[in-house]
């Protein structure tokens, strides 16, 4: 129902087509980014299975989206293993 009204308005006003395209592109990108954040090692969905999953990460694991100055390959583990 909503899709038909959007298509009808886009046919009446063709200048709305780029705006609708970029709105859909932004919503899709935001949804994918939220999905990526929900699957990160910092989010615990099931505490009974593995209450501290971040302890299983290798010190060379690049957990940031973009690391400009940090070279994760040369890092050494600081502190004891748990």
PDB file of N, CA and C in Angstrom:
ATOM      1  N   UNK A   1       0.822  -1.189   0.000  1.00  0.00           N
ATOM      2  CA  UNK A   1       0.000   0.000   0.000  1.00  0.00           C
ATOM      3  C   UNK A   1       0.870   1.258   0.000  1.00  0.00           C
ATOM      4  N   UNK A   2       1.828   1.311   0.910  1.00  0.00           N
ATOM      5  CA  UNK A   2       2.693   2.491   0.984  1.00  0.00           C
ATOM      6  C   UNK A   2       3.571   2.580  -0.258  1.00  0.00           C
ATOM      7  N   UNK A   3       4.040   1.400  -0.731  1.00  0.00           N
ATOM      8  CA  UNK A   3       4.902   1.383  -1.912  1.00  0.00           C
ATOM      9  C   UNK A   3       4.171   1.938  -3.127  1.00  0.00           C
ATOM     10  N   UNK A   4       2.898   1.611  -3.267  1.00  0.00           N
ATOM     11  CA  UNK A   4       2.127   2.114  -4.419  1.00  0.00           C
ATOM     12  C   UNK A   4       1.968   3.627  -4.368  1.00  0.00           C
ATOM     13  N   UNK A   5       1.753   4.175  -3.172  1.00  0.00           N
ATOM     14  CA  UNK A   5       1.612   5.627  -3.080  1.00  0.00           C
ATOM     15  C   UNK A   5       2.943   6.325  -3.361  1.00  0.00           C
ATOM     16  N   UNK A   6       4.034   5.722  -2.949  1.00  0.00           N
ATOM     17  CA  UNK A   6       5.349   6.315  -3.221  1.00  0.00           C
ATOM     18  C   UNK A   6       5.631   6.290  -4.721  1.00  0.00           C
ATOM     19  N   UNK A   7       5.314   5.182  -5.360  1.00  0.00           N
ATOM     20  CA  UNK A   7       5.526   5.072  -6.809  1.00  0.00           C
ATOM     21  C   UNK A   7       4.630   6.063  -7.549  1.00  0.00           C
ATOM     22  N   UNK A   8       3.396   6.222  -7.091  1.00  0.00           N
ATOM     23  CA  UNK A   8       2.483   7.165  -7.742  1.00  0.00           C
ATOM     24  C   UNK A   8       2.990   8.599  -7.590  1.00  0.00           C
ATOM     25  N   UNK A   9       3.486   8.946  -6.408  1.00  0.00           N
ATOM     26  CA  UNK A   9       4.014  10.308  -6.224  1.00  0.00           C
ATOM     27  C   UNK A   9       5.283  10.520  -7.040  1.00  0.00           C
ATOM     28  N   UNK A  10       6.109   9.465  -7.163  1.00  0.00           N
ATOM     29  CA  UNK A  10       7.331   9.583  -7.950  1.00  0.00           C
ATOM     30  C   UNK A  10       7.015   9.765  -9.431  1.00  0.00           C
ATOM     31  N   UNK A  11       5.925   9.171  -9.885  1.00  0.00           N
ATOM     32  CA  UNK A  11       5.537   9.356 -11.287  1.00  0.00           C
ATOM     33  C   UNK A  11       5.034  10.774 -11.528  1.00  0.00           C
ATOM     34  N   UNK A  12       4.357  11.345 -10.532  1.00  0.00           N
ATOM     35  CA  UNK A  12       3.866  12.719 -10.684  1.00  0.00           C
ATOM     36  C   UNK A  12       4.999  13.733 -10.559  1.00  0.00           C
ATOM     37  N   UNK A  13       5.952  13.443  -9.683  1.00  0.00           N
ATOM     38  CA  UNK A  13       7.070  14.346  -9.442  1.00  0.00           C
ATOM     39  C   UNK A  13       8.377  13.580  -9.637  1.00  0.00           C
ATOM     40  N   UNK A  14       8.919  13.529 -10.858  1.00  0.00           N
ATOM     41  CA  UNK A  14      10.131  12.750 -11.115  1.00  0.00           C
ATOM     42  C   UNK A  14      11.366  13.264 -10.373  1.00  0.00           C
ATOM     43  N   UNK A  15      11.311  14.488  -9.888  1.00  0.00           N
ATOM     44  CA  UNK A  15      12.476  15.009  -9.163  1.00  0.00           C
ATOM     45  C   UNK A  15      12.622  14.364  -7.787  1.00  0.00           C
ATOM     46  N   UNK A  16      11.614  13.630  -7.321  1.00  0.00           N
ATOM     47  CA  UNK A  16      11.700  12.943  -6.043  1.00  0.00           C
ATOM     48  C   UNK A  16      12.449  11.610  -6.128  1.00  0.00           C
ATOM     49  N   UNK A  17      12.674  11.110  -7.322  1.00  0.00           N
ATOM     50  CA  UNK A  17      13.302   9.797  -7.485  1.00  0.00           C
ATOM     51  C   UNK A  17      14.713   9.756  -6.888  1.00  0.00           C
ATOM     52  N   UNK A  18      15.609  10.717  -7.138  1.00  0.00           N
ATOM     53  CA  UNK A  18      16.929  10.656  -6.497  1.00  0.00           C
ATOM     54  C   UNK A  18      16.851  10.749  -4.969  1.00  0.00           C
ATOM     55  N   UNK A  19      15.939  11.576  -4.476  1.00  0.00           N
ATOM     56  CA  UNK A  19      15.796  11.705  -3.031  1.00  0.00           C
ATOM     57  C   UNK A  19      15.341  10.381  -2.415  1.00  0.00           C
ATOM     58  N   UNK A  20      14.386   9.728  -3.019  1.00  0.00           N
ATOM     59  CA  UNK A  20      13.913   8.431  -2.520  1.00  0.00           C
ATOM     60  C   UNK A  20      15.020   7.376  -2.612  1.00  0.00           C
ATOM     61  N   UNK A  21      15.813   7.435  -3.672  1.00  0.00           N
ATOM     62  CA  UNK A  21      16.913   6.493  -3.829  1.00  0.00           C
ATOM     63  C   UNK A  21      17.919   6.637  -2.690  1.00  0.00           C
ATOM     64  N   UNK A  22      18.315   7.876  -2.380  1.00  0.00           N
ATOM     65  CA  UNK A  22      19.316   8.083  -1.341  1.00  0.00           C
ATOM     66  C   UNK A  22      18.764   7.817   0.058  1.00  0.00           C
ATOM     67  N   UNK A  23      17.480   8.046   0.256  1.00  0.00           N
ATOM     68  CA  UNK A  23      16.868   7.688   1.543  1.00  0.00           C
ATOM     69  C   UNK A  23      16.902   6.178   1.726  1.00  0.00           C
ATOM     70  N   UNK A  24      16.540   5.434   0.699  1.00  0.00           N
ATOM     71  CA  UNK A  24      16.582   3.966   0.784  1.00  0.00           C
ATOM     72  C   UNK A  24      18.024   3.472   0.947  1.00  0.00           C
ATOM     73  N   UNK A  25      18.956   4.086   0.264  1.00  0.00           N
ATOM     74  CA  UNK A  25      20.362   3.709   0.392  1.00  0.00           C
ATOM     75  C   UNK A  25      20.869   3.969   1.810  1.00  0.00           C
ATOM     76  N   UNK A  26      20.502   5.092   2.388  1.00  0.00           N
ATOM     77  CA  UNK A  26      20.909   5.407   3.758  1.00  0.00           C
ATOM     78  C   UNK A  26      20.288   4.464   4.774  1.00  0.00           C
ATOM     79  N   UNK A  27      19.018   4.136   4.603  1.00  0.00           N
ATOM     80  CA  UNK A  27      18.365   3.192   5.516  1.00  0.00           C
ATOM     81  C   UNK A  27      18.983   1.803   5.405  1.00  0.00           C
ATOM     82  N   UNK A  28      19.320   1.393   4.208  1.00  0.00           N
ATOM     83  CA  UNK A  28      19.964   0.089   4.026  1.00  0.00           C
ATOM     84  C   UNK A  28      21.351   0.050   4.645  1.00  0.00           C
ATOM     85  N   UNK A  29      22.122   1.104   4.456  1.00  0.00           N
ATOM     86  CA  UNK A  29      23.451   1.167   5.048  1.00  0.00           C
ATOM     87  C   UNK A  29      23.404   1.202   6.565  1.00  0.00           C
ATOM     88  N   UNK A  30      22.457   1.953   7.120  1.00  0.00           N
ATOM     89  CA  UNK A  30      22.322   2.009   8.574  1.00  0.00           C
ATOM     90  C   UNK A  30      21.917   0.650   9.129  1.00  0.00           C
ATOM     91  N   UNK A  31      21.055  -0.060   8.423  1.00  0.00           N
ATOM     92  CA  UNK A  31      20.633  -1.392   8.874  1.00  0.00           C
ATOM     93  C   UNK A  31      21.803  -2.366   8.849  1.00  0.00           C
ATOM     94  N   UNK A  32      22.600  -2.330   7.804  1.00  0.00           N
ATOM     95  CA  UNK A  32      23.764  -3.218   7.735  1.00  0.00           C
ATOM     96  C   UNK A  32      24.797  -2.889   8.810  1.00  0.00           C
ATOM     97  N   UNK A  33      24.971  -1.613   9.106  1.00  0.00           N
ATOM     98  CA  UNK A  33      25.920  -1.228  10.148  1.00  0.00           C
ATOM     99  C   UNK A  33      25.429  -1.686  11.522  1.00  0.00           C
ATOM    100  N   UNK A  34      24.124  -1.566  11.796  1.00  0.00           N
ATOM    101  CA  UNK A  34      23.582  -2.056  13.066  1.00  0.00           C
ATOM    102  C   UNK A  34      23.715  -3.570  13.173  1.00  0.00           C
ATOM    103  N   UNK A  35      23.541  -4.264  12.072  1.00  0.00           N
ATOM    104  CA  UNK A  35      23.736  -5.716  12.081  1.00  0.00           C
ATOM    105  C   UNK A  35      25.191  -6.055  12.377  1.00  0.00           C
ATOM    106  N   UNK A  36      26.123  -5.308  11.808  1.00  0.00           N
ATOM    107  CA  UNK A  36      27.551  -5.527  12.074  1.00  0.00           C
ATOM    108  C   UNK A  36      27.873  -5.259  13.536  1.00  0.00           C
ATOM    109  N   UNK A  37      27.305  -4.211  14.103  1.00  0.00           N
ATOM    110  CA  UNK A  37      27.549  -3.910  15.506  1.00  0.00           C
ATOM    111  C   UNK A  37      26.959  -4.979  16.427  1.00  0.00           C
ATOM    112  N   UNK A  38      25.812  -5.516  16.068  1.00  0.00           N
ATOM    113  CA  UNK A  38      25.160  -6.532  16.900  1.00  0.00           C
ATOM    114  C   UNK A  38      25.934  -7.840  16.901  1.00  0.00           C
ATOM    115  N   UNK A  39      26.729  -8.085  15.879  1.00  0.00           N
ATOM    116  CA  UNK A  39      27.492  -9.325  15.798  1.00  0.00           C
ATOM    117  C   UNK A  39      28.922  -9.175  16.305  1.00  0.00           C
ATOM    118  N   UNK A  40      29.270  -8.020  16.858  1.00  0.00           N
ATOM    119  CA  UNK A  40      30.634  -7.793  17.340  1.00  0.00           C
ATOM    120  C   UNK A  40      30.901  -8.601  18.603  1.00  0.00           C
ATOM    121  N   UNK A  41      32.170  -8.797  18.956  1.00  0.00           N
ATOM    122  CA  UNK A  41      32.492  -9.604  20.138  1.00  0.00           C
ATOM    123  C   UNK A  41      32.145  -8.915  21.452  1.00  0.00           C
ATOM    124  N   UNK A  42      31.795  -7.643  21.436  1.00  0.00           N
ATOM    125  CA  UNK A  42      31.469  -6.932  22.661  1.00  0.00           C
ATOM    126  C   UNK A  42      30.018  -7.117  23.076  1.00  0.00           C
ATOM    127  N   UNK A  43      29.184  -7.560  22.178  1.00  0.00           N
ATOM    128  CA  UNK A  43      27.767  -7.753  22.477  1.00  0.00           C
ATOM    129  C   UNK A  43      27.553  -9.204  22.860  1.00  0.00           C
ATOM    130  N   UNK A  44      26.985  -9.419  24.032  1.00  0.00           N
ATOM    131  CA  UNK A  44      26.729 -10.768  24.527  1.00  0.00           C
ATOM    132  C   UNK A  44      25.229 -11.000  24.499  1.00  0.00           C
ATOM    133  N   UNK A  45      24.777 -11.926  23.669  1.00  0.00           N
ATOM    134  CA  UNK A  45      23.363 -12.250  23.572  1.00  0.00           C
ATOM    135  C   UNK A  45      23.011 -13.431  24.474  1.00  0.00           C
ATOM    136  N   UNK A  46      23.976 -14.311  24.740  1.00  0.00           N
ATOM    137  CA  UNK A  46      23.729 -15.497  25.544  1.00  0.00           C
ATOM    138  C   UNK A  46      24.846 -15.613  26.592  1.00  0.00           C
ATOM    139  N   UNK A  47      24.572 -15.199  27.809  1.00  0.00           N
ATOM    140  CA  UNK A  47      25.607 -15.200  28.855  1.00  0.00           C
ATOM    141  C   UNK A  47      25.897 -16.601  29.390  1.00  0.00           C
ATOM    142  N   UNK A  48      25.005 -17.544  29.216  1.00  0.00           N
ATOM    143  CA  UNK A  48      25.254 -18.880  29.746  1.00  0.00           C
ATOM    144  C   UNK A  48      26.263 -19.645  28.906  1.00  0.00           C
ATOM    145  N   UNK A  49      26.297 -19.394  27.614  1.00  0.00           N
ATOM    146  CA  UNK A  49      27.220 -20.119  26.735  1.00  0.00           C
ATOM    147  C   UNK A  49      28.659 -19.627  26.889  1.00  0.00           C
ATOM    148  N   UNK A  50      28.878 -18.331  26.783  1.00  0.00           N
ATOM    149  CA  UNK A  50      30.215 -17.751  26.895  1.00  0.00           C
ATOM    150  C   UNK A  50      30.065 -16.352  27.497  1.00  0.00           C
ATOM    151  N   UNK A  51      30.230 -16.215  28.819  1.00  0.00           N
ATOM    152  CA  UNK A  51      29.948 -14.919  29.449  1.00  0.00           C
ATOM    153  C   UNK A  51      30.950 -13.817  29.097  1.00  0.00           C
ATOM    154  N   UNK A  52      32.166 -14.157  28.714  1.00  0.00           N
ATOM    155  CA  UNK A  52      33.169 -13.151  28.372  1.00  0.00           C
ATOM    156  C   UNK A  52      33.848 -13.510  27.046  1.00  0.00           C
ATOM    157  N   UNK A  53      33.171 -13.310  25.921  1.00  0.00           N
ATOM    158  CA  UNK A  53      33.752 -13.714  24.629  1.00  0.00           C
ATOM    159  C   UNK A  53      34.923 -12.851  24.188  1.00  0.00           C
ATOM    160  N   UNK A  54      35.077 -11.662  24.755  1.00  0.00           N
ATOM    161  CA  UNK A  54      36.176 -10.793  24.347  1.00  0.00           C
ATOM    162  C   UNK A  54      37.522 -11.314  24.828  1.00  0.00           C
ATOM    163  N   UNK A  55      37.529 -12.255  25.794  1.00  0.00           N
ATOM    164  CA  UNK A  55      38.800 -12.848  26.228  1.00  0.00           C
ATOM    165  C   UNK A  55      39.348 -13.840  25.203  1.00  0.00           C
ATOM    166  N   UNK A  56      38.523 -14.287  24.283  1.00  0.00           N
ATOM    167  CA  UNK A  56      38.954 -15.249  23.265  1.00  0.00           C
ATOM    168  C   UNK A  56      39.605 -14.576  22.062  1.00  0.00           C
ATOM    169  N   UNK A  57      39.621 -13.244  22.027  1.00  0.00           N
ATOM    170  CA  UNK A  57      40.173 -12.542  20.872  1.00  0.00           C
ATOM    171  C   UNK A  57      41.693 -12.566  20.904  1.00  0.00           C
ATOM    172  N   UNK A  58      42.254 -12.729  19.735  1.00  0.00           N
ATOM    173  CA  UNK A  58      43.697 -12.671  19.563  1.00  0.00           C
ATOM    174  C   UNK A  58      44.140 -11.205  19.660  1.00  0.00           C
ATOM    175  N   UNK A  59      45.308 -10.899  20.218  1.00  0.00           N
ATOM    176  CA  UNK A  59      45.719  -9.492  20.311  1.00  0.00           C
ATOM    177  C   UNK A  59      45.947  -8.843  18.949  1.00  0.00           C
ATOM    178  N   UNK A  60      46.102  -9.634  17.906  1.00  0.00           N
ATOM    179  CA  UNK A  60      46.280  -9.056  16.573  1.00  0.00           C
ATOM    180  C   UNK A  60      44.961  -8.879  15.843  1.00  0.00           C
ATOM    181  N   UNK A  61      43.831  -9.199  16.489  1.00  0.00           N
ATOM    182  CA  UNK A  61      42.510  -9.043  15.871  1.00  0.00           C
ATOM    183  C   UNK A  61      42.173  -7.560  15.743  1.00  0.00           C
ATOM    184  N   UNK A  62      41.859  -7.119  14.542  1.00  0.00           N
ATOM    185  CA  UNK A  62      41.528  -5.713  14.317  1.00  0.00           C
ATOM    186  C   UNK A  62      40.052  -5.527  14.613  1.00  0.00           C
ATOM    187  N   UNK A  63      39.752  -5.009  15.790  1.00  0.00           N
ATOM    188  CA  UNK A  63      38.371  -4.861  16.202  1.00  0.00           C
ATOM    189  C   UNK A  63      37.785  -3.512  15.841  1.00  0.00           C
ATOM    190  N   UNK A  64      38.601  -2.569  15.442  1.00  0.00           N
ATOM    191  CA  UNK A  64      38.090  -1.276  15.013  1.00  0.00           C
ATOM    192  C   UNK A  64      37.743  -1.336  13.537  1.00  0.00           C
ATOM    193  N   UNK A  65      36.783  -0.501  13.150  1.00  0.00           N
ATOM    194  CA  UNK A  65      36.368  -0.463  11.749  1.00  0.00           C
ATOM    195  C   UNK A  65      37.496   0.062  10.873  1.00  0.00           C
ATOM    196  N   UNK A  66      38.164   1.125  11.321  1.00  0.00           N
ATOM    197  CA  UNK A  66      39.295   1.675  10.591  1.00  0.00           C
ATOM    198  C   UNK A  66      40.362   2.085  11.595  1.00  0.00           C
ATOM    199  N   UNK A  67      41.511   1.475  11.511  1.00  0.00           N
ATOM    200  CA  UNK A  67      42.615   1.815  12.398  1.00  0.00           C
ATOM    201  C   UNK A  67      43.692   2.505  11.563  1.00  0.00           C
ATOM    202  N   UNK A  68      43.842   3.793  11.748  1.00  0.00           N
ATOM    203  CA  UNK A  68      44.748   4.567  10.917  1.00  0.00           C
ATOM    204  C   UNK A  68      46.193   4.393  11.388  1.00  0.00           C
ATOM    205  N   UNK A  69      46.439   4.523  12.688  1.00  0.00           N
ATOM    206  CA  UNK A  69      47.809   4.539  13.187  1.00  0.00           C
ATOM    207  C   UNK A  69      48.232   3.251  13.871  1.00  0.00           C
ATOM    208  N   UNK A  70      47.326   2.336  14.150  1.00  0.00           N
ATOM    209  CA  UNK A  70      47.662   1.128  14.893  1.00  0.00           C
ATOM    210  C   UNK A  70      47.930  -0.023  13.935  1.00  0.00           C
ATOM    211  N   UNK A  71      49.086  -0.665  14.113  1.00  0.00           N
ATOM    212  CA  UNK A  71      49.406  -1.854  13.333  1.00  0.00           C
ATOM    213  C   UNK A  71      49.167  -3.060  14.231  1.00  0.00           C
ATOM    214  N   UNK A  72      48.087  -3.769  14.013  1.00  0.00           N
ATOM    215  CA  UNK A  72      47.685  -4.867  14.885  1.00  0.00           C
ATOM    216  C   UNK A  72      48.564  -6.104  14.725  1.00  0.00           C
ATOM    217  N   UNK A  73      49.313  -6.201  13.668  1.00  0.00           N
ATOM    218  CA  UNK A  73      50.150  -7.374  13.461  1.00  0.00           C
ATOM    219  C   UNK A  73      51.349  -7.396  14.414  1.00  0.00           C
ATOM    220  N   UNK A  74      51.812  -6.224  14.853  1.00  0.00           N
ATOM    221  CA  UNK A  74      52.992  -6.154  15.703  1.00  0.00           C
ATOM    222  C   UNK A  74      52.663  -6.055  17.193  1.00  0.00           C
ATOM    223  N   UNK A  75      51.386  -6.113  17.568  1.00  0.00           N
ATOM    224  CA  UNK A  75      51.015  -6.015  18.976  1.00  0.00           C
ATOM    225  C   UNK A  75      51.328  -7.315  19.714  1.00  0.00           C
ATOM    226  N   UNK A  76      51.712  -7.181  20.957  1.00  0.00           N
ATOM    227  CA  UNK A  76      51.929  -8.336  21.816  1.00  0.00           C
ATOM    228  C   UNK A  76      50.889  -8.318  22.926  1.00  0.00           C
ATOM    229  N   UNK A  77      50.586  -9.484  23.439  1.00  0.00           N
ATOM    230  CA  UNK A  77      49.587  -9.585  24.481  1.00  0.00           C
ATOM    231  C   UNK A  77      50.152  -9.009  25.790  1.00  0.00           C
ATOM    232  N   UNK A  78      49.407  -8.078  26.371  1.00  0.00           N
ATOM    233  CA  UNK A  78      49.799  -7.493  27.647  1.00  0.00           C
ATOM    234  C   UNK A  78      48.920  -8.081  28.735  1.00  0.00           C
ATOM    235  N   UNK A  79      49.520  -8.625  29.752  1.00  0.00           N
ATOM    236  CA  UNK A  79      48.750  -9.166  30.855  1.00  0.00           C
ATOM    237  C   UNK A  79      48.599 -10.677  30.737  1.00  0.00           C
ATOM    238  N   UNK A  80      48.012 -11.279  31.755  1.00  0.00           N
ATOM    239  CA  UNK A  80      47.887 -12.730  31.780  1.00  0.00           C
ATOM    240  C   UNK A  80      46.753 -13.252  30.899  1.00  0.00           C
ATOM    241  N   UNK A  81      46.866 -14.511  30.524  1.00  0.00           N
ATOM    242  CA  UNK A  81      45.771 -15.169  29.824  1.00  0.00           C
ATOM    243  C   UNK A  81      44.777 -15.676  30.857  1.00  0.00           C
ATOM    244  N   UNK A  82      43.508 -15.524  30.601  1.00  0.00           N
ATOM    245  CA  UNK A  82      42.467 -16.010  31.512  1.00  0.00           C
ATOM    246  C   UNK A  82      41.856 -17.275  30.985  1.00  0.00           C
TER     247      UNK A  82
END
